[in-house]
Amino acid sequence: MAEENKKEASFTQGPIFGLIVRFALPVLVVLVLQAAYGAVDLLVVGQFGDVASISGRRDLRLPETR
């Protein structure tokens, strides 16, 4: 069998800056995509919906508790 080259990331030995950056990049990409999705969604709802749709007030109606 062919030997696989596995490089283990160790946060306990050696420099960790590169490891932190490598772990943070996917999170940053997801955050940018979520922000872009929210902006596009707001533009679409703004074109086809009313003011209550944009503000989200319809979703905030909670049942009364007494």
PDB file of N, CA and C in Angstrom:
ATOM      1  N   MET A   1       0.830  -1.185   0.000  1.00  0.00           N
ATOM      2  CA  MET A   1       0.000   0.000   0.000  1.00  0.00           C
ATOM      3  C   MET A   1       0.872   1.245   0.000  1.00  0.00           C
ATOM      4  N   ALA A   2       0.342   2.254  -0.613  1.00  0.00           N
ATOM      5  CA  ALA A   2       1.065   3.524  -0.649  1.00  0.00           C
ATOM      6  C   ALA A   2       0.949   4.211   0.700  1.00  0.00           C
ATOM      7  N   GLU A   3       2.057   4.746   1.123  1.00  0.00           N
ATOM      8  CA  GLU A   3       2.060   5.437   2.407  1.00  0.00           C
ATOM      9  C   GLU A   3       1.462   6.826   2.239  1.00  0.00           C
ATOM     10  N   GLU A   4       0.499   7.137   3.097  1.00  0.00           N
ATOM     11  CA  GLU A   4      -0.139   8.452   3.039  1.00  0.00           C
ATOM     12  C   GLU A   4       0.660   9.440   3.876  1.00  0.00           C
ATOM     13  N   ASN A   5       0.836  10.613   3.340  1.00  0.00           N
ATOM     14  CA  ASN A   5       1.512  11.672   4.090  1.00  0.00           C
ATOM     15  C   ASN A   5       0.472  12.429   4.892  1.00  0.00           C
ATOM     16  N   LYS A   6       0.499  12.226   6.186  1.00  0.00           N
ATOM     17  CA  LYS A   6      -0.423  12.930   7.070  1.00  0.00           C
ATOM     18  C   LYS A   6       0.381  13.901   7.917  1.00  0.00           C
ATOM     19  N   LYS A   7      -0.069  15.124   7.921  1.00  0.00           N
ATOM     20  CA  LYS A   7       0.577  16.130   8.750  1.00  0.00           C
ATOM     21  C   LYS A   7      -0.404  16.492   9.853  1.00  0.00           C
ATOM     22  N   GLU A   8      -0.041  16.207  11.074  1.00  0.00           N
ATOM     23  CA  GLU A   8      -0.911  16.499  12.200  1.00  0.00           C
ATOM     24  C   GLU A   8      -0.668  17.921  12.687  1.00  0.00           C
ATOM     25  N   ALA A   9      -1.748  18.590  13.005  1.00  0.00           N
ATOM     26  CA  ALA A   9      -1.650  19.943  13.539  1.00  0.00           C
ATOM     27  C   ALA A   9      -1.597  19.865  15.062  1.00  0.00           C
ATOM     28  N   SER A  10      -0.565  20.422  15.628  1.00  0.00           N
ATOM     29  CA  SER A  10      -0.413  20.421  17.070  1.00  0.00           C
ATOM     30  C   SER A  10      -0.439  21.856  17.575  1.00  0.00           C
ATOM     31  N   PHE A  11      -1.398  22.128  18.441  1.00  0.00           N
ATOM     32  CA  PHE A  11      -1.487  23.454  19.042  1.00  0.00           C
ATOM     33  C   PHE A  11      -0.615  23.562  20.292  1.00  0.00           C
ATOM     34  N   THR A  12       0.022  22.467  20.669  1.00  0.00           N
ATOM     35  CA  THR A  12       0.827  22.489  21.889  1.00  0.00           C
ATOM     36  C   THR A  12       2.313  22.673  21.621  1.00  0.00           C
ATOM     37  N   GLN A  13       2.728  22.464  20.368  1.00  0.00           N
ATOM     38  CA  GLN A  13       4.147  22.593  20.051  1.00  0.00           C
ATOM     39  C   GLN A  13       4.312  23.432  18.802  1.00  0.00           C
ATOM     40  N   GLY A  14       5.310  24.296  18.831  1.00  0.00           N
ATOM     41  CA  GLY A  14       5.622  25.094  17.658  1.00  0.00           C
ATOM     42  C   GLY A  14       4.709  26.301  17.508  1.00  0.00           C
ATOM     43  N   PRO A  15       4.895  27.031  16.400  1.00  0.00           N
ATOM     44  CA  PRO A  15       4.079  28.235  16.178  1.00  0.00           C
ATOM     45  C   PRO A  15       2.624  27.869  15.876  1.00  0.00           C
ATOM     46  N   ILE A  16       1.711  28.637  16.447  1.00  0.00           N
ATOM     47  CA  ILE A  16       0.296  28.323  16.261  1.00  0.00           C
ATOM     48  C   ILE A  16      -0.427  29.338  15.379  1.00  0.00           C
ATOM     49  N   PHE A  17       0.238  30.423  14.997  1.00  0.00           N
ATOM     50  CA  PHE A  17      -0.441  31.457  14.213  1.00  0.00           C
ATOM     51  C   PHE A  17      -0.986  30.897  12.903  1.00  0.00           C
ATOM     52  N   GLY A  18      -0.185  30.138  12.190  1.00  0.00           N
ATOM     53  CA  GLY A  18      -0.630  29.556  10.926  1.00  0.00           C
ATOM     54  C   GLY A  18      -1.791  28.594  11.109  1.00  0.00           C
ATOM     55  N   LEU A  19      -1.766  27.825  12.199  1.00  0.00           N
ATOM     56  CA  LEU A  19      -2.857  26.893  12.472  1.00  0.00           C
ATOM     57  C   LEU A  19      -4.157  27.629  12.765  1.00  0.00           C
ATOM     58  N   ILE A  20      -4.058  28.702  13.535  1.00  0.00           N
ATOM     59  CA  ILE A  20      -5.258  29.474  13.856  1.00  0.00           C
ATOM     60  C   ILE A  20      -5.837  30.095  12.596  1.00  0.00           C
ATOM     61  N   VAL A  21      -4.987  30.617  11.734  1.00  0.00           N
ATOM     62  CA  VAL A  21      -5.462  31.196  10.474  1.00  0.00           C
ATOM     63  C   VAL A  21      -6.124  30.122   9.622  1.00  0.00           C
ATOM     64  N   ARG A  22      -5.514  28.955   9.546  1.00  0.00           N
ATOM     65  CA  ARG A  22      -6.070  27.872   8.733  1.00  0.00           C
ATOM     66  C   ARG A  22      -7.412  27.398   9.294  1.00  0.00           C
ATOM     67  N   PHE A  23      -7.577  27.409  10.592  1.00  0.00           N
ATOM     68  CA  PHE A  23      -8.848  27.025  11.196  1.00  0.00           C
ATOM     69  C   PHE A  23      -9.889  28.130  11.049  1.00  0.00           C
ATOM     70  N   ALA A  24      -9.468  29.392  11.025  1.00  0.00           N
ATOM     71  CA  ALA A  24     -10.402  30.517  10.981  1.00  0.00           C
ATOM     72  C   ALA A  24     -10.899  30.830   9.573  1.00  0.00           C
ATOM     73  N   LEU A  25     -10.149  30.489   8.548  1.00  0.00           N
ATOM     74  CA  LEU A  25     -10.551  30.827   7.178  1.00  0.00           C
ATOM     75  C   LEU A  25     -11.913  30.259   6.784  1.00  0.00           C
ATOM     76  N   PRO A  26     -12.220  28.996   7.035  1.00  0.00           N
ATOM     77  CA  PRO A  26     -13.559  28.510   6.679  1.00  0.00           C
ATOM     78  C   PRO A  26     -14.674  29.250   7.413  1.00  0.00           C
ATOM     79  N   VAL A  27     -14.426  29.610   8.653  1.00  0.00           N
ATOM     80  CA  VAL A  27     -15.432  30.350   9.420  1.00  0.00           C
ATOM     81  C   VAL A  27     -15.656  31.724   8.801  1.00  0.00           C
ATOM     82  N   LEU A  28     -14.584  32.394   8.420  1.00  0.00           N
ATOM     83  CA  LEU A  28     -14.708  33.711   7.798  1.00  0.00           C
ATOM     84  C   LEU A  28     -15.444  33.631   6.464  1.00  0.00           C
ATOM     85  N   VAL A  29     -15.169  32.595   5.688  1.00  0.00           N
ATOM     86  CA  VAL A  29     -15.864  32.421   4.405  1.00  0.00           C
ATOM     87  C   VAL A  29     -17.358  32.237   4.634  1.00  0.00           C
ATOM     88  N   VAL A  30     -17.723  31.431   5.617  1.00  0.00           N
ATOM     89  CA  VAL A  30     -19.139  31.210   5.915  1.00  0.00           C
ATOM     90  C   VAL A  30     -19.801  32.500   6.383  1.00  0.00           C
ATOM     91  N   LEU A  31     -19.121  33.285   7.205  1.00  0.00           N
ATOM     92  CA  LEU A  31     -19.691  34.548   7.672  1.00  0.00           C
ATOM     93  C   LEU A  31     -19.932  35.518   6.520  1.00  0.00           C
ATOM     94  N   VAL A  32     -19.003  35.589   5.578  1.00  0.00           N
ATOM     95  CA  VAL A  32     -19.177  36.461   4.413  1.00  0.00           C
ATOM     96  C   VAL A  32     -20.347  35.979   3.564  1.00  0.00           C
ATOM     97  N   LEU A  33     -20.457  34.668   3.368  1.00  0.00           N
ATOM     98  CA  LEU A  33     -21.573  34.132   2.582  1.00  0.00           C
ATOM     99  C   LEU A  33     -22.915  34.396   3.260  1.00  0.00           C
ATOM    100  N   GLN A  34     -22.984  34.261   4.574  1.00  0.00           N
ATOM    101  CA  GLN A  34     -24.224  34.544   5.294  1.00  0.00           C
ATOM    102  C   GLN A  34     -24.595  36.017   5.198  1.00  0.00           C
ATOM    103  N   ALA A  35     -23.623  36.897   5.296  1.00  0.00           N
ATOM    104  CA  ALA A  35     -23.900  38.328   5.166  1.00  0.00           C
ATOM    105  C   ALA A  35     -24.383  38.658   3.764  1.00  0.00           C
ATOM    106  N   ALA A  36     -23.771  38.050   2.749  1.00  0.00           N
ATOM    107  CA  ALA A  36     -24.211  38.278   1.368  1.00  0.00           C
ATOM    108  C   ALA A  36     -25.621  37.750   1.158  1.00  0.00           C
ATOM    109  N   TYR A  37     -25.924  36.589   1.718  1.00  0.00           N
ATOM    110  CA  TYR A  37     -27.272  36.030   1.604  1.00  0.00           C
ATOM    111  C   TYR A  37     -28.293  36.960   2.258  1.00  0.00           C
ATOM    112  N   GLY A  38     -27.973  37.479   3.429  1.00  0.00           N
ATOM    113  CA  GLY A  38     -28.880  38.395   4.110  1.00  0.00           C
ATOM    114  C   GLY A  38     -29.098  39.676   3.327  1.00  0.00           C
ATOM    115  N   ALA A  39     -28.042  40.203   2.714  1.00  0.00           N
ATOM    116  CA  ALA A  39     -28.172  41.431   1.925  1.00  0.00           C
ATOM    117  C   ALA A  39     -29.024  41.199   0.687  1.00  0.00           C
ATOM    118  N   VAL A  40     -28.793  40.099  -0.008  1.00  0.00           N
ATOM    119  CA  VAL A  40     -29.590  39.792  -1.202  1.00  0.00           C
ATOM    120  C   VAL A  40     -31.039  39.521  -0.813  1.00  0.00           C
ATOM    121  N   ASP A  41     -31.247  38.822   0.281  1.00  0.00           N
ATOM    122  CA  ASP A  41     -32.605  38.557   0.749  1.00  0.00           C
ATOM    123  C   ASP A  41     -33.332  39.861   1.064  1.00  0.00           C
ATOM    124  N   LEU A  42     -32.659  40.788   1.705  1.00  0.00           N
ATOM    125  CA  LEU A  42     -33.261  42.080   2.015  1.00  0.00           C
ATOM    126  C   LEU A  42     -33.609  42.845   0.746  1.00  0.00           C
ATOM    127  N   LEU A  43     -32.749  42.784  -0.260  1.00  0.00           N
ATOM    128  CA  LEU A  43     -33.041  43.454  -1.530  1.00  0.00           C
ATOM    129  C   LEU A  43     -34.259  42.851  -2.214  1.00  0.00           C
ATOM    130  N   VAL A  44     -34.358  41.537  -2.221  1.00  0.00           N
ATOM    131  CA  VAL A  44     -35.495  40.874  -2.871  1.00  0.00           C
ATOM    132  C   VAL A  44     -36.781  41.164  -2.116  1.00  0.00           C
ATOM    133  N   VAL A  45     -36.759  41.050  -0.807  1.00  0.00           N
ATOM    134  CA  VAL A  45     -37.960  41.335  -0.018  1.00  0.00           C
ATOM    135  C   VAL A  45     -38.335  42.802  -0.147  1.00  0.00           C
ATOM    136  N   GLY A  46     -37.356  43.680  -0.235  1.00  0.00           N
ATOM    137  CA  GLY A  46     -37.635  45.105  -0.406  1.00  0.00           C
ATOM    138  C   GLY A  46     -38.306  45.409  -1.728  1.00  0.00           C
ATOM    139  N   GLN A  47     -37.995  44.641  -2.751  1.00  0.00           N
ATOM    140  CA  GLN A  47     -38.612  44.862  -4.057  1.00  0.00           C
ATOM    141  C   GLN A  47     -40.029  44.304  -4.125  1.00  0.00           C
ATOM    142  N   PHE A  48     -40.277  43.180  -3.470  1.00  0.00           N
ATOM    143  CA  PHE A  48     -41.559  42.500  -3.638  1.00  0.00           C
ATOM    144  C   PHE A  48     -42.432  42.501  -2.389  1.00  0.00           C
ATOM    145  N   GLY A  49     -41.901  42.869  -1.250  1.00  0.00           N
ATOM    146  CA  GLY A  49     -42.668  42.829  -0.015  1.00  0.00           C
ATOM    147  C   GLY A  49     -43.044  44.218   0.463  1.00  0.00           C
ATOM    148  N   ASP A  50     -43.693  44.261   1.616  1.00  0.00           N
ATOM    149  CA  ASP A  50     -44.055  45.545   2.206  1.00  0.00           C
ATOM    150  C   ASP A  50     -43.107  45.852   3.374  1.00  0.00           C
ATOM    151  N   VAL A  51     -43.366  46.963   4.043  1.00  0.00           N
ATOM    152  CA  VAL A  51     -42.468  47.410   5.115  1.00  0.00           C
ATOM    153  C   VAL A  51     -42.441  46.410   6.266  1.00  0.00           C
ATOM    154  N   ALA A  52     -43.589  45.817   6.576  1.00  0.00           N
ATOM    155  CA  ALA A  52     -43.628  44.846   7.669  1.00  0.00           C
ATOM    156  C   ALA A  52     -42.776  43.618   7.360  1.00  0.00           C
ATOM    157  N   SER A  53     -42.688  43.259   6.099  1.00  0.00           N
ATOM    158  CA  SER A  53     -41.861  42.106   5.725  1.00  0.00           C
ATOM    159  C   SER A  53     -40.388  42.402   5.952  1.00  0.00           C
ATOM    160  N   ILE A  54     -39.974  43.618   5.642  1.00  0.00           N
ATOM    161  CA  ILE A  54     -38.569  43.981   5.804  1.00  0.00           C
ATOM    162  C   ILE A  54     -38.197  44.066   7.283  1.00  0.00           C
ATOM    163  N   SER A  55     -39.087  44.619   8.085  1.00  0.00           N
ATOM    164  CA  SER A  55     -38.765  44.791   9.499  1.00  0.00           C
ATOM    165  C   SER A  55     -38.868  43.487  10.274  1.00  0.00           C
ATOM    166  N   GLY A  56     -39.547  42.501   9.728  1.00  0.00           N
ATOM    167  CA  GLY A  56     -39.678  41.224  10.409  1.00  0.00           C
ATOM    168  C   GLY A  56     -40.687  41.248  11.531  1.00  0.00           C
ATOM    169  N   ARG A  57     -41.531  42.256  11.580  1.00  0.00           N
ATOM    170  CA  ARG A  57     -42.495  42.369  12.667  1.00  0.00           C
ATOM    171  C   ARG A  57     -43.508  41.238  12.658  1.00  0.00           C
ATOM    172  N   ARG A  58     -43.804  40.680  11.522  1.00  0.00           N
ATOM    173  CA  ARG A  58     -44.756  39.568  11.474  1.00  0.00           C
ATOM    174  C   ARG A  58     -44.212  38.350  12.204  1.00  0.00           C
ATOM    175  N   ASP A  59     -42.920  38.190  12.209  1.00  0.00           N
ATOM    176  CA  ASP A  59     -42.314  37.031  12.857  1.00  0.00           C
ATOM    177  C   ASP A  59     -42.172  37.219  14.364  1.00  0.00           C
ATOM    178  N   LEU A  60     -42.312  38.438  14.835  1.00  0.00           N
ATOM    179  CA  LEU A  60     -42.065  38.710  16.245  1.00  0.00           C
ATOM    180  C   LEU A  60     -43.311  38.624  17.112  1.00  0.00           C
ATOM    181  N   ARG A  61     -44.439  38.276  16.548  1.00  0.00           N
ATOM    182  CA  ARG A  61     -45.654  38.164  17.350  1.00  0.00           C
ATOM    183  C   ARG A  61     -45.576  36.908  18.209  1.00  0.00           C
ATOM    184  N   LEU A  62     -45.504  37.115  19.487  1.00  0.00           N
ATOM    185  CA  LEU A  62     -45.420  36.003  20.417  1.00  0.00           C
ATOM    186  C   LEU A  62     -46.749  35.852  21.138  1.00  0.00           C
ATOM    187  N   PRO A  63     -47.100  34.655  21.522  1.00  0.00           N
ATOM    188  CA  PRO A  63     -48.353  34.486  22.266  1.00  0.00           C
ATOM    189  C   PRO A  63     -48.261  35.173  23.626  1.00  0.00           C
ATOM    190  N   GLU A  64     -49.378  35.733  24.031  1.00  0.00           N
ATOM    191  CA  GLU A  64     -49.405  36.415  25.326  1.00  0.00           C
ATOM    192  C   GLU A  64     -49.423  35.396  26.451  1.00  0.00           C
ATOM    193  N   THR A  65     -48.665  35.677  27.486  1.00  0.00           N
ATOM    194  CA  THR A  65     -48.666  34.805  28.663  1.00  0.00           C
ATOM    195  C   THR A  65     -49.097  35.632  29.855  1.00  0.00           C
ATOM    196  N   ARG A  66     -50.096  35.159  30.531  1.00  0.00           N
ATOM    197  CA  ARG A  66     -50.598  35.874  31.717  1.00  0.00           C
ATOM    198  C   ARG A  66     -50.760  34.930  32.856  1.00  0.00           C
TER     199      ARG A  66
END
